[in-house]
PDB file of N, CA and C in Angstrom:
ATOM      1  N   UNK A   1       0.816  -1.197   0.000  1.00  0.00           N
ATOM      2  CA  UNK A   1       0.000   0.000   0.000  1.00  0.00           C
ATOM      3  C   UNK A   1       0.859   1.259   0.000  1.00  0.00           C
ATOM      4  N   UNK A   2       2.021   1.218   0.651  1.00  0.00           N
ATOM      5  CA  UNK A   2       2.879   2.396   0.701  1.00  0.00           C
ATOM      6  C   UNK A   2       3.371   2.814  -0.674  1.00  0.00           C
ATOM      7  N   UNK A   3       3.613   1.852  -1.558  1.00  0.00           N
ATOM      8  CA  UNK A   3       4.101   2.199  -2.895  1.00  0.00           C
ATOM      9  C   UNK A   3       3.047   2.989  -3.660  1.00  0.00           C
ATOM     10  N   UNK A   4       1.787   2.664  -3.480  1.00  0.00           N
ATOM     11  CA  UNK A   4       0.713   3.409  -4.146  1.00  0.00           C
ATOM     12  C   UNK A   4       0.664   4.833  -3.618  1.00  0.00           C
ATOM     13  N   UNK A   5       0.838   5.002  -2.307  1.00  0.00           N
ATOM     14  CA  UNK A   5       0.860   6.344  -1.731  1.00  0.00           C
ATOM     15  C   UNK A   5       2.035   7.159  -2.252  1.00  0.00           C
ATOM     16  N   UNK A   6       3.195   6.535  -2.396  1.00  0.00           N
ATOM     17  CA  UNK A   6       4.353   7.245  -2.926  1.00  0.00           C
ATOM     18  C   UNK A   6       4.135   7.646  -4.387  1.00  0.00           C
ATOM     19  N   UNK A   7       3.488   6.792  -5.167  1.00  0.00           N
ATOM     20  CA  UNK A   7       3.213   7.124  -6.562  1.00  0.00           C
ATOM     21  C   UNK A   7       2.243   8.291  -6.654  1.00  0.00           C
ATOM     22  N   UNK A   8       1.190   8.271  -5.846  1.00  0.00           N
ATOM     23  CA  UNK A   8       0.230   9.385  -5.827  1.00  0.00           C
ATOM     24  C   UNK A   8       0.919  10.659  -5.351  1.00  0.00           C
ATOM     25  N   UNK A   9       1.715  10.554  -4.286  1.00  0.00           N
ATOM     26  CA  UNK A   9       2.458  11.698  -3.758  1.00  0.00           C
ATOM     27  C   UNK A   9       3.395  12.267  -4.815  1.00  0.00           C
ATOM     28  N   UNK A  10       4.125  11.391  -5.512  1.00  0.00           N
ATOM     29  CA  UNK A  10       5.036  11.834  -6.568  1.00  0.00           C
ATOM     30  C   UNK A  10       4.304  12.499  -7.711  1.00  0.00           C
ATOM     31  N   UNK A  11       3.138  11.966  -8.073  1.00  0.00           N
ATOM     32  CA  UNK A  11       2.350  12.570  -9.139  1.00  0.00           C
ATOM     33  C   UNK A  11       1.869  13.963  -8.787  1.00  0.00           C
ATOM     34  N   UNK A  12       1.411  14.146  -7.555  1.00  0.00           N
ATOM     35  CA  UNK A  12       0.935  15.467  -7.127  1.00  0.00           C
ATOM     36  C   UNK A  12       2.091  16.451  -7.051  1.00  0.00           C
ATOM     37  N   UNK A  13       3.196  16.038  -6.472  1.00  0.00           N
ATOM     38  CA  UNK A  13       4.366  16.914  -6.367  1.00  0.00           C
ATOM     39  C   UNK A  13       4.888  17.281  -7.750  1.00  0.00           C
ATOM     40  N   UNK A  14       5.000  16.309  -8.642  1.00  0.00           N
ATOM     41  CA  UNK A  14       5.470  16.583 -10.002  1.00  0.00           C
ATOM     42  C   UNK A  14       4.542  17.500 -10.752  1.00  0.00           C
ATOM     43  N   UNK A  15       3.239  17.328 -10.570  1.00  0.00           N
ATOM     44  CA  UNK A  15       2.254  18.184 -11.234  1.00  0.00           C
ATOM     45  C   UNK A  15       2.361  19.624 -10.742  1.00  0.00           C
ATOM     46  N   UNK A  16       2.433  19.814  -9.425  1.00  0.00           N
ATOM     47  CA  UNK A  16       2.544  21.169  -8.870  1.00  0.00           C
ATOM     48  C   UNK A  16       3.873  21.808  -9.296  1.00  0.00           C
ATOM     49  N   UNK A  17       4.950  21.045  -9.278  1.00  0.00           N
ATOM     50  CA  UNK A  17       6.250  21.582  -9.699  1.00  0.00           C
ATOM     51  C   UNK A  17       6.228  21.972 -11.167  1.00  0.00           C
ATOM     52  N   UNK A  18       5.551  21.197 -12.013  1.00  0.00           N
ATOM     53  CA  UNK A  18       5.482  21.550 -13.435  1.00  0.00           C
ATOM     54  C   UNK A  18       4.655  22.817 -13.646  1.00  0.00           C
ATOM     55  N   UNK A  19       3.653  23.049 -12.808  1.00  0.00           N
ATOM     56  CA  UNK A  19       2.887  24.296 -12.898  1.00  0.00           C
ATOM     57  C   UNK A  19       3.761  25.471 -12.471  1.00  0.00           C
ATOM     58  N   UNK A  20       4.502  25.311 -11.384  1.00  0.00           N
ATOM     59  CA  UNK A  20       5.372  26.388 -10.897  1.00  0.00           C
ATOM     60  C   UNK A  20       6.423  26.731 -11.934  1.00  0.00           C
ATOM     61  N   UNK A  21       7.007  25.705 -12.557  1.00  0.00           N
ATOM     62  CA  UNK A  21       8.075  25.930 -13.536  1.00  0.00           C
ATOM     63  C   UNK A  21       7.555  26.141 -14.958  1.00  0.00           C
ATOM     64  N   UNK A  22       6.240  26.178 -15.124  1.00  0.00           N
ATOM     65  CA  UNK A  22       5.595  26.411 -16.424  1.00  0.00           C
ATOM     66  C   UNK A  22       6.032  25.395 -17.484  1.00  0.00           C
ATOM     67  N   UNK A  23       6.007  24.105 -17.094  1.00  0.00           N
ATOM     68  CA  UNK A  23       6.320  23.015 -18.020  1.00  0.00           C
ATOM     69  C   UNK A  23       5.150  22.043 -18.026  1.00  0.00           C
ATOM     70  N   UNK A  24       3.981  22.509 -18.384  1.00  0.00           N
ATOM     71  CA  UNK A  24       2.760  21.705 -18.308  1.00  0.00           C
ATOM     72  C   UNK A  24       2.658  20.646 -19.398  1.00  0.00           C
ATOM     73  N   UNK A  25       3.624  20.550 -20.269  1.00  0.00           N
ATOM     74  CA  UNK A  25       3.566  19.570 -21.356  1.00  0.00           C
ATOM     75  C   UNK A  25       3.849  18.149 -20.872  1.00  0.00           C
ATOM     76  N   UNK A  26       4.273  17.992 -19.659  1.00  0.00           N
ATOM     77  CA  UNK A  26       4.647  16.678 -19.139  1.00  0.00           C
ATOM     78  C   UNK A  26       3.405  15.819 -18.919  1.00  0.00           C
ATOM     79  N   UNK A  27       3.563  14.517 -19.087  1.00  0.00           N
ATOM     80  CA  UNK A  27       2.468  13.587 -18.871  1.00  0.00           C
ATOM     81  C   UNK A  27       2.455  13.067 -17.449  1.00  0.00           C
ATOM     82  N   UNK A  28       1.519  12.190 -17.180  1.00  0.00           N
ATOM     83  CA  UNK A  28       1.341  11.642 -15.838  1.00  0.00           C
ATOM     84  C   UNK A  28       2.576  10.881 -15.368  1.00  0.00           C
ATOM     85  N   UNK A  29       3.119  10.038 -16.221  1.00  0.00           N
ATOM     86  CA  UNK A  29       4.280   9.231 -15.830  1.00  0.00           C
ATOM     87  C   UNK A  29       5.482  10.126 -15.545  1.00  0.00           C
ATOM     88  N   UNK A  30       5.692  11.136 -16.370  1.00  0.00           N
ATOM     89  CA  UNK A  30       6.811  12.055 -16.135  1.00  0.00           C
ATOM     90  C   UNK A  30       6.614  12.845 -14.854  1.00  0.00           C
ATOM     91  N   UNK A  31       5.378  13.255 -14.575  1.00  0.00           N
ATOM     92  CA  UNK A  31       5.111  13.960 -13.322  1.00  0.00           C
ATOM     93  C   UNK A  31       5.416  13.068 -12.122  1.00  0.00           C
ATOM     94  N   UNK A  32       5.044  11.810 -12.200  1.00  0.00           N
ATOM     95  CA  UNK A  32       5.321  10.877 -11.104  1.00  0.00           C
ATOM     96  C   UNK A  32       6.828  10.709 -10.925  1.00  0.00           C
ATOM     97  N   UNK A  33       7.539  10.510 -12.023  1.00  0.00           N
ATOM     98  CA  UNK A  33       8.990  10.327 -11.948  1.00  0.00           C
ATOM     99  C   UNK A  33       9.662  11.592 -11.418  1.00  0.00           C
ATOM    100  N   UNK A  34       9.269  12.756 -11.931  1.00  0.00           N
ATOM    101  CA  UNK A  34       9.832  14.026 -11.456  1.00  0.00           C
ATOM    102  C   UNK A  34       9.537  14.198  -9.968  1.00  0.00           C
ATOM    103  N   UNK A  35       8.316  13.879  -9.550  1.00  0.00           N
ATOM    104  CA  UNK A  35       7.947  14.015  -8.146  1.00  0.00           C
ATOM    105  C   UNK A  35       8.727  13.086  -7.245  1.00  0.00           C
ATOM    106  N   UNK A  36       8.907  11.836  -7.654  1.00  0.00           N
ATOM    107  CA  UNK A  36       9.643  10.873  -6.829  1.00  0.00           C
ATOM    108  C   UNK A  36      11.132  11.220  -6.755  1.00  0.00           C
ATOM    109  N   UNK A  37      11.727  11.553  -7.891  1.00  0.00           N
ATOM    110  CA  UNK A  37      13.138  11.942  -7.882  1.00  0.00           C
ATOM    111  C   UNK A  37      13.301  13.267  -7.143  1.00  0.00           C
ATOM    112  N   UNK A  38      12.338  14.172  -7.314  1.00  0.00           N
ATOM    113  CA  UNK A  38      12.371  15.433  -6.580  1.00  0.00           C
ATOM    114  C   UNK A  38      12.276  15.219  -5.084  1.00  0.00           C
ATOM    115  N   UNK A  39      11.476  14.248  -4.653  1.00  0.00           N
ATOM    116  CA  UNK A  39      11.378  13.935  -3.222  1.00  0.00           C
ATOM    117  C   UNK A  39      12.714  13.420  -2.702  1.00  0.00           C
ATOM    118  N   UNK A  40      13.380  12.581  -3.477  1.00  0.00           N
ATOM    119  CA  UNK A  40      14.700  12.092  -3.077  1.00  0.00           C
ATOM    120  C   UNK A  40      15.707  13.234  -3.014  1.00  0.00           C
ATOM    121  N   UNK A  41      15.694  14.086  -4.035  1.00  0.00           N
ATOM    122  CA  UNK A  41      16.602  15.229  -4.072  1.00  0.00           C
ATOM    123  C   UNK A  41      16.301  16.205  -2.937  1.00  0.00           C
ATOM    124  N   UNK A  42      15.014  16.489  -2.727  1.00  0.00           N
ATOM    125  CA  UNK A  42      14.622  17.382  -1.642  1.00  0.00           C
ATOM    126  C   UNK A  42      14.983  16.811  -0.282  1.00  0.00           C
ATOM    127  N   UNK A  43      14.797  15.507  -0.106  1.00  0.00           N
ATOM    128  CA  UNK A  43      15.178  14.860   1.145  1.00  0.00           C
ATOM    129  C   UNK A  43      16.677  14.927   1.380  1.00  0.00           C
ATOM    130  N   UNK A  44      17.445  14.741   0.310  1.00  0.00           N
ATOM    131  CA  UNK A  44      18.898  14.830   0.429  1.00  0.00           C
ATOM    132  C   UNK A  44      19.313  16.253   0.788  1.00  0.00           C
ATOM    133  N   UNK A  45      18.780  17.235   0.047  1.00  0.00           N
ATOM    134  CA  UNK A  45      19.124  18.629   0.324  1.00  0.00           C
ATOM    135  C   UNK A  45      18.656  19.052   1.715  1.00  0.00           C
ATOM    136  N   UNK A  46      17.462  18.598   2.102  1.00  0.00           N
ATOM    137  CA  UNK A  46      16.945  18.931   3.422  1.00  0.00           C
ATOM    138  C   UNK A  46      17.798  18.358   4.540  1.00  0.00           C
ATOM    139  N   UNK A  47      18.227  17.113   4.388  1.00  0.00           N
ATOM    140  CA  UNK A  47      19.071  16.511   5.421  1.00  0.00           C
ATOM    141  C   UNK A  47      20.465  17.133   5.418  1.00  0.00           C
ATOM    142  N   UNK A  48      20.934  17.552   4.248  1.00  0.00           N
ATOM    143  CA  UNK A  48      22.244  18.194   4.155  1.00  0.00           C
ATOM    144  C   UNK A  48      22.246  19.528   4.900  1.00  0.00           C
ATOM    145  N   UNK A  49      21.166  20.300   4.730  1.00  0.00           N
ATOM    146  CA  UNK A  49      21.067  21.593   5.388  1.00  0.00           C
ATOM    147  C   UNK A  49      20.372  21.517   6.746  1.00  0.00           C
ATOM    148  N   UNK A  50      19.902  20.346   7.128  1.00  0.00           N
ATOM    149  CA  UNK A  50      19.276  20.163   8.428  1.00  0.00           C
ATOM    150  C   UNK A  50      17.842  20.653   8.514  1.00  0.00           C
ATOM    151  N   UNK A  51      17.179  20.765   7.374  1.00  0.00           N
ATOM    152  CA  UNK A  51      15.777  21.208   7.358  1.00  0.00           C
ATOM    153  C   UNK A  51      14.972  20.256   6.500  1.00  0.00           C
ATOM    154  N   UNK A  52      13.712  20.126   6.768  1.00  0.00           N
ATOM    155  CA  UNK A  52      12.806  19.342   5.929  1.00  0.00           C
ATOM    156  C   UNK A  52      13.033  17.845   6.016  1.00  0.00           C
ATOM    157  N   UNK A  53      11.976  17.125   5.672  1.00  0.00           N
ATOM    158  CA  UNK A  53      12.021  15.667   5.686  1.00  0.00           C
ATOM    159  C   UNK A  53      10.903  15.148   4.798  1.00  0.00           C
ATOM    160  N   UNK A  54      11.138  14.058   4.097  1.00  0.00           N
ATOM    161  CA  UNK A  54      10.095  13.436   3.287  1.00  0.00           C
ATOM    162  C   UNK A  54       9.829  12.014   3.760  1.00  0.00           C
ATOM    163  N   UNK A  55      10.135  11.754   5.011  1.00  0.00           N
ATOM    164  CA  UNK A  55       9.932  10.418   5.554  1.00  0.00           C
ATOM    165  C   UNK A  55       8.464  10.105   5.797  1.00  0.00           C
ATOM    166  N   UNK A  56       7.662  11.125   6.053  1.00  0.00           N
ATOM    167  CA  UNK A  56       6.239  10.935   6.297  1.00  0.00           C
ATOM    168  C   UNK A  56       5.442  11.845   5.368  1.00  0.00           C
ATOM    169  N   UNK A  57       4.169  11.547   5.215  1.00  0.00           N
ATOM    170  CA  UNK A  57       3.305  12.343   4.358  1.00  0.00           C
ATOM    171  C   UNK A  57       2.736  13.499   5.162  1.00  0.00           C
ATOM    172  N   UNK A  58       3.517  14.582   5.243  1.00  0.00           N
ATOM    173  CA  UNK A  58       3.107  15.786   5.951  1.00  0.00           C
ATOM    174  C   UNK A  58       3.287  16.977   5.023  1.00  0.00           C
ATOM    175  N   UNK A  59       2.825  18.138   5.470  1.00  0.00           N
ATOM    176  CA  UNK A  59       3.031  19.351   4.672  1.00  0.00           C
ATOM    177  C   UNK A  59       4.511  19.664   4.537  1.00  0.00           C
ATOM    178  N   UNK A  60       5.267  19.426   5.590  1.00  0.00           N
ATOM    179  CA  UNK A  60       6.709  19.645   5.526  1.00  0.00           C
ATOM    180  C   UNK A  60       7.340  18.738   4.471  1.00  0.00           C
ATOM    181  N   UNK A  61       6.935  17.477   4.443  1.00  0.00           N
ATOM    182  CA  UNK A  61       7.433  16.550   3.438  1.00  0.00           C
ATOM    183  C   UNK A  61       7.023  16.949   2.036  1.00  0.00           C
ATOM    184  N   UNK A  62       5.779  17.440   1.902  1.00  0.00           N
ATOM    185  CA  UNK A  62       5.300  17.884   0.596  1.00  0.00           C
ATOM    186  C   UNK A  62       6.142  19.045   0.084  1.00  0.00           C
ATOM    187  N   UNK A  63       6.384  20.046   0.920  1.00  0.00           N
ATOM    188  CA  UNK A  63       7.154  21.203   0.483  1.00  0.00           C
ATOM    189  C   UNK A  63       8.618  20.871   0.250  1.00  0.00           C
ATOM    190  N   UNK A  64       9.163  19.959   1.029  1.00  0.00           N
ATOM    191  CA  UNK A  64      10.535  19.513   0.805  1.00  0.00           C
ATOM    192  C   UNK A  64      10.642  18.804  -0.546  1.00  0.00           C
ATOM    193  N   UNK A  65       9.694  17.923  -0.840  1.00  0.00           N
ATOM    194  CA  UNK A  65       9.682  17.229  -2.130  1.00  0.00           C
ATOM    195  C   UNK A  65       9.435  18.206  -3.265  1.00  0.00           C
ATOM    196  N   UNK A  66       8.584  19.193  -3.041  1.00  0.00           N
ATOM    197  CA  UNK A  66       8.289  20.194  -4.069  1.00  0.00           C
ATOM    198  C   UNK A  66       9.530  21.008  -4.406  1.00  0.00           C
ATOM    199  N   UNK A  67      10.272  21.406  -3.397  1.00  0.00           N
ATOM    200  CA  UNK A  67      11.519  22.148  -3.649  1.00  0.00           C
ATOM    201  C   UNK A  67      12.490  21.283  -4.443  1.00  0.00           C
ATOM    202  N   UNK A  68      12.603  20.027  -4.074  1.00  0.00           N
ATOM    203  CA  UNK A  68      13.475  19.112  -4.819  1.00  0.00           C
ATOM    204  C   UNK A  68      13.030  18.944  -6.258  1.00  0.00           C
ATOM    205  N   UNK A  69      11.723  18.836  -6.491  1.00  0.00           N
ATOM    206  CA  UNK A  69      11.204  18.681  -7.857  1.00  0.00           C
ATOM    207  C   UNK A  69      11.424  19.946  -8.675  1.00  0.00           C
ATOM    208  N   UNK A  70      11.252  21.111  -8.059  1.00  0.00           N
ATOM    209  CA  UNK A  70      11.485  22.376  -8.766  1.00  0.00           C
ATOM    210  C   UNK A  70      12.962  22.499  -9.130  1.00  0.00           C
ATOM    211  N   UNK A  71      13.850  22.136  -8.210  1.00  0.00           N
ATOM    212  CA  UNK A  71      15.292  22.157  -8.502  1.00  0.00           C
ATOM    213  C   UNK A  71      15.609  21.181  -9.630  1.00  0.00           C
ATOM    214  N   UNK A  72      15.004  20.005  -9.611  1.00  0.00           N
ATOM    215  CA  UNK A  72      15.227  19.012 -10.662  1.00  0.00           C
ATOM    216  C   UNK A  72      14.762  19.531 -12.018  1.00  0.00           C
ATOM    217  N   UNK A  73      13.570  20.112 -12.086  1.00  0.00           N
ATOM    218  CA  UNK A  73      13.079  20.661 -13.354  1.00  0.00           C
ATOM    219  C   UNK A  73      13.983  21.795 -13.826  1.00  0.00           C
ATOM    220  N   UNK A  74      14.424  22.620 -12.898  1.00  0.00           N
ATOM    221  CA  UNK A  74      15.332  23.719 -13.258  1.00  0.00           C
ATOM    222  C   UNK A  74      16.623  23.166 -13.854  1.00  0.00           C
ATOM    223  N   UNK A  75      17.179  22.104 -13.246  1.00  0.00           N
ATOM    224  CA  UNK A  75      18.397  21.499 -13.773  1.00  0.00           C
ATOM    225  C   UNK A  75      18.158  20.877 -15.144  1.00  0.00           C
ATOM    226  N   UNK A  76      17.011  20.232 -15.331  1.00  0.00           N
ATOM    227  CA  UNK A  76      16.709  19.620 -16.620  1.00  0.00           C
ATOM    228  C   UNK A  76      16.487  20.658 -17.718  1.00  0.00           C
ATOM    229  N   UNK A  77      15.930  21.807 -17.355  1.00  0.00           N
ATOM    230  CA  UNK A  77      15.741  22.868 -18.345  1.00  0.00           C
ATOM    231  C   UNK A  77      17.066  23.462 -18.793  1.00  0.00           C
ATOM    232  N   UNK A  78      18.097  23.350 -17.951  1.00  0.00           N
ATOM    233  CA  UNK A  78      19.416  23.898 -18.271  1.00  0.00           C
ATOM    234  C   UNK A  78      20.222  22.989 -19.199  1.00  0.00           C
ATOM    235  N   UNK A  79      19.794  21.749 -19.370  1.00  0.00           N
ATOM    236  CA  UNK A  79      20.536  20.809 -20.251  1.00  0.00           C
ATOM    237  C   UNK A  79      20.310  21.115 -21.700  1.00  0.00           C
TER     238      UNK A  79
END
């Protein structure tokens, strides 16, 4: 059941990040992948700086994952 929650969480985070970064052309699968990788990146950056966590489904975890997804989209746009 947790994997389904992570997929839904990744999809929502990826969708919101694509709206923020104005890249709405992405599909559902890409939004999920961006959201999940963004959550990993956000969790890494958060633990590195001592802020944020994506271990649980909370608002703090959502915003940490969102920041990671926005950073990921920004890096991908630079390629």
